[in-house]
C-alpha atoms as a PDB file:
ATOM      1  CA  MET A   1       0.000   0.000   0.000  1.00  0.00           C
ATOM      2  CA  ARG A   2       1.046   3.602  -0.490  1.00  0.00           C
ATOM      3  CA  VAL A   3       0.212   6.175   2.198  1.00  0.00           C
ATOM      4  CA  ALA A   4       0.556   9.960   1.961  1.00  0.00           C
ATOM      5  CA  LEU A   5       1.044  12.051   5.105  1.00  0.00           C
ATOM      6  CA  HIS A   6       1.267  15.759   5.844  1.00  0.00           C
ATOM      7  CA  SER A   7       3.199  17.230   8.749  1.00  0.00           C
ATOM      8  CA  VAL A   8       4.252  20.756   9.667  1.00  0.00           C
ATOM      9  CA  LEU A   9       7.618  21.902  10.994  1.00  0.00           C
ATOM     10  CA  LYS A  10       8.105  24.252  13.898  1.00  0.00           C
ATOM     11  CA  GLU A  11       8.909  27.811  12.860  1.00  0.00           C
ATOM     12  CA  GLY A  12      12.561  28.163  11.793  1.00  0.00           C
ATOM     13  CA  GLN A  13      13.343  24.424  11.846  1.00  0.00           C
ATOM     14  CA  GLU A  14      13.438  23.820   8.080  1.00  0.00           C
ATOM     15  CA  SER A  15      17.203  23.520   7.587  1.00  0.00           C
ATOM     16  CA  GLY A  16      17.731  21.591  10.824  1.00  0.00           C
ATOM     17  CA  TYR A  17      15.103  19.064   9.783  1.00  0.00           C
ATOM     18  CA  GLU A  18      16.758  18.566   6.406  1.00  0.00           C
ATOM     19  CA  GLN A  19      20.183  18.212   8.050  1.00  0.00           C
ATOM     20  CA  ALA A  20      18.758  15.608  10.445  1.00  0.00           C
ATOM     21  CA  HIS A  21      17.582  13.604   7.438  1.00  0.00           C
ATOM     22  CA  ALA A  22      20.866  13.818   5.516  1.00  0.00           C
ATOM     23  CA  THR A  23      21.664  10.421   7.060  1.00  0.00           C
ATOM     24  CA  VAL A  24      19.228   8.866   9.507  1.00  0.00           C
ATOM     25  CA  PRO A  25      20.517   6.319  12.045  1.00  0.00           C
ATOM     26  CA  GLU A  26      21.056   2.801  10.758  1.00  0.00           C
ATOM     27  CA  ASP A  27      19.032   1.311  13.626  1.00  0.00           C
ATOM     28  CA  LEU A  28      16.063   3.422  12.499  1.00  0.00           C
ATOM     29  CA  LEU A  29      16.400   2.109   8.940  1.00  0.00           C
ATOM     30  CA  GLU A  30      16.384  -1.435  10.322  1.00  0.00           C
ATOM     31  CA  ALA A  31      13.309  -0.666  12.450  1.00  0.00           C
ATOM     32  CA  LEU A  32      11.467   0.693   9.397  1.00  0.00           C
ATOM     33  CA  ARG A  33      12.315  -2.444   7.408  1.00  0.00           C
ATOM     34  CA  ARG A  34      11.223  -4.744  10.264  1.00  0.00           C
ATOM     35  CA  ALA A  35       7.918  -2.858  10.407  1.00  0.00           C
ATOM     36  CA  GLY A  36       7.348  -3.633   6.713  1.00  0.00           C
ATOM     37  CA  ILE A  37       8.108  -0.185   5.303  1.00  0.00           C
ATOM     38  CA  THR A  38       9.874  -0.537   1.957  1.00  0.00           C
ATOM     39  CA  ASN A  39      10.245   3.164   1.151  1.00  0.00           C
ATOM     40  CA  TRP A  40       9.573   6.559   2.752  1.00  0.00           C
ATOM     41  CA  ARG A  41      10.010   9.795   0.800  1.00  0.00           C
ATOM     42  CA  ILE A  42       9.620  13.306   2.183  1.00  0.00           C
ATOM     43  CA  TRP A  43       9.168  16.578   0.282  1.00  0.00           C
ATOM     44  CA  ARG A  44       9.185  20.011   1.879  1.00  0.00           C
ATOM     45  CA  SER A  45       7.408  23.218   0.872  1.00  0.00           C
ATOM     46  CA  GLY A  46       8.162  25.910   3.425  1.00  0.00           C
ATOM     47  CA  ARG A  47       7.248  24.396   6.791  1.00  0.00           C
ATOM     48  CA  HIS A  48       4.980  21.748   5.247  1.00  0.00           C
ATOM     49  CA  LEU A  49       6.262  18.198   4.819  1.00  0.00           C
ATOM     50  CA  PHE A  50       4.639  15.689   2.490  1.00  0.00           C
ATOM     51  CA  HIS A  51       5.488  12.044   3.083  1.00  0.00           C
ATOM     52  CA  LEU A  52       4.890   9.078   0.787  1.00  0.00           C
ATOM     53  CA  VAL A  53       5.206   5.719   2.556  1.00  0.00           C
ATOM     54  CA  ASP A  54       5.232   2.321   0.827  1.00  0.00           C
ATOM     55  CA  CYS A  55       4.410  -0.647   3.061  1.00  0.00           C
ATOM     56  CA  GLU A  56       2.270  -3.760   3.419  1.00  0.00           C
ATOM     57  CA  ASP A  57       0.038  -2.512   6.260  1.00  0.00           C
ATOM     58  CA  PHE A  58       0.465   1.063   7.481  1.00  0.00           C
ATOM     59  CA  ALA A  59      -1.484   0.652  10.733  1.00  0.00           C
ATOM     60  CA  ALA A  60       0.558  -2.448  11.657  1.00  0.00           C
ATOM     61  CA  ALA A  61       3.805  -0.688  10.724  1.00  0.00           C
ATOM     62  CA  MET A  62       2.961   2.304  12.938  1.00  0.00           C
ATOM     63  CA  ALA A  63       2.020  -0.018  15.809  1.00  0.00           C
ATOM     64  CA  ALA A  64       5.338  -1.867  15.489  1.00  0.00           C
ATOM     65  CA  LEU A  65       7.331   1.358  15.264  1.00  0.00           C
ATOM     66  CA  ASP A  66       5.557   2.776  18.296  1.00  0.00           C
ATOM     67  CA  LYS A  67       7.100  -0.045  20.369  1.00  0.00           C
ATOM     68  CA  ASP A  68      10.557   0.027  18.750  1.00  0.00           C
ATOM     69  CA  PRO A  69      13.341   1.663  20.844  1.00  0.00           C
ATOM     70  CA  ALA A  70      15.172   2.956  17.734  1.00  0.00           C
ATOM     71  CA  ASN A  71      12.021   4.717  16.541  1.00  0.00           C
ATOM     72  CA  GLN A  72      11.272   6.021  20.037  1.00  0.00           C
ATOM     73  CA  ARG A  73      14.754   7.610  20.156  1.00  0.00           C
ATOM     74  CA  TRP A  74      14.251   9.086  16.678  1.00  0.00           C
ATOM     75  CA  GLN A  75      10.809  10.476  17.507  1.00  0.00           C
ATOM     76  CA  GLU A  76      12.150  12.127  20.650  1.00  0.00           C
ATOM     77  CA  PHE A  77      14.961  13.711  18.608  1.00  0.00           C
ATOM     78  CA  ILE A  78      12.971  14.703  15.510  1.00  0.00           C
ATOM     79  CA  GLY A  79      10.114  16.012  17.660  1.00  0.00           C
ATOM     80  CA  GLY A  80      12.262  19.075  18.247  1.00  0.00           C
ATOM     81  CA  TYR A  81      11.683  19.974  14.591  1.00  0.00           C
ATOM     82  CA  VAL A  82       8.131  18.791  13.881  1.00  0.00           C
ATOM     83  CA  ASP A  83       5.173  20.784  15.160  1.00  0.00           C
ATOM     84  CA  HIS A  84       2.473  18.248  14.253  1.00  0.00           C
ATOM     85  CA  PHE A  85       1.031  15.770  11.785  1.00  0.00           C
ATOM     86  CA  GLU A  86      -2.190  16.983  10.189  1.00  0.00           C
ATOM     87  CA  ASP A  87      -5.463  15.357  11.316  1.00  0.00           C
ATOM     88  CA  THR A  88      -4.031  13.482  14.301  1.00  0.00           C
ATOM     89  CA  GLY A  89      -3.607  15.982  17.069  1.00  0.00           C
ATOM     90  CA  GLY A  90       0.156  15.865  16.504  1.00  0.00           C
ATOM     91  CA  SER A  91       0.952  12.160  16.459  1.00  0.00           C
ATOM     92  CA  PRO A  92       0.923   9.310  13.939  1.00  0.00           C
ATOM     93  CA  ALA A  93      -0.836   7.139  16.547  1.00  0.00           C
ATOM     94  CA  GLU A  94      -4.058   7.004  14.504  1.00  0.00           C
ATOM     95  CA  PRO A  95      -2.918   6.118  10.978  1.00  0.00           C
ATOM     96  CA  GLU A  96      -6.435   5.916   9.550  1.00  0.00           C
ATOM     97  CA  ARG A  97      -6.952   9.610  10.415  1.00  0.00           C
ATOM     98  CA  MET A  98      -3.598  10.910   9.207  1.00  0.00           C
ATOM     99  CA  THR A  99      -3.451   9.503   5.695  1.00  0.00           C
ATOM    100  CA  LEU A 100      -4.235  11.620   2.674  1.00  0.00           C
ATOM    101  CA  GLY A 101      -6.669   9.993   0.282  1.00  0.00           C
ATOM    102  CA  GLU A 102      -5.721  10.029  -3.391  1.00  0.00           C
ATOM    103  CA  VAL A 103      -8.058  12.113  -5.507  1.00  0.00           C
ATOM    104  CA  TRP A 104      -6.662  11.807  -9.016  1.00  0.00           C
ATOM    105  CA  GLU A 105      -3.690  10.397 -10.926  1.00  0.00           C
ATOM    106  CA  LEU A 106      -2.810  11.484 -14.454  1.00  0.00           C
ATOM    107  CA  SER A 107      -1.280   8.166 -15.519  1.00  0.00           C
ATOM    108  CA  ALA A 108      -4.263   6.152 -14.243  1.00  0.00           C
ATOM    109  CA  GLN A 109      -6.702   8.303 -16.204  1.00  0.00           C
ATOM    110  CA  ALA A 110      -4.529   8.142 -19.319  1.00  0.00           C
ATOM    111  CA  GLU A 111      -4.283   4.342 -19.082  1.00  0.00           C
ATOM    112  CA  ALA A 112      -8.052   4.041 -18.639  1.00  0.00           C
ATOM    113  CA  ALA A 113      -8.628   6.262 -21.699  1.00  0.00           C
ATOM    114  CA  GLU A 114      -6.251   4.123 -23.786  1.00  0.00           C
ATOM    115  CA  ARG A 115      -8.146   0.959 -22.804  1.00  0.00           C
ATOM    116  CA  GLY A 116     -11.347   2.618 -23.930  1.00  0.00           C
END
């Protein structure tokens, strides 16, 4: 599955957040893999972050990460930069509320038009 998320940085934390992500800790990468996350991309526009997460089961992945010490350390650290995740009251604890539903995709419409 592919999940889109939206979070917002604290005022003035843009460059620090990007520096923190230049190389994330190896134990965090291992925790993400164990949780079933195969890819996680982040784009930034001003203070707004847009995440695209590829995984088998997002709710299960978030539940596993919530218990993982490597992720707990990372969340404590990165929390200094992130103000909140949209639609969750500031936490990814409720994945069904924080995901952005896809509205439209150019390639899907083009493929459907080609098929007739």
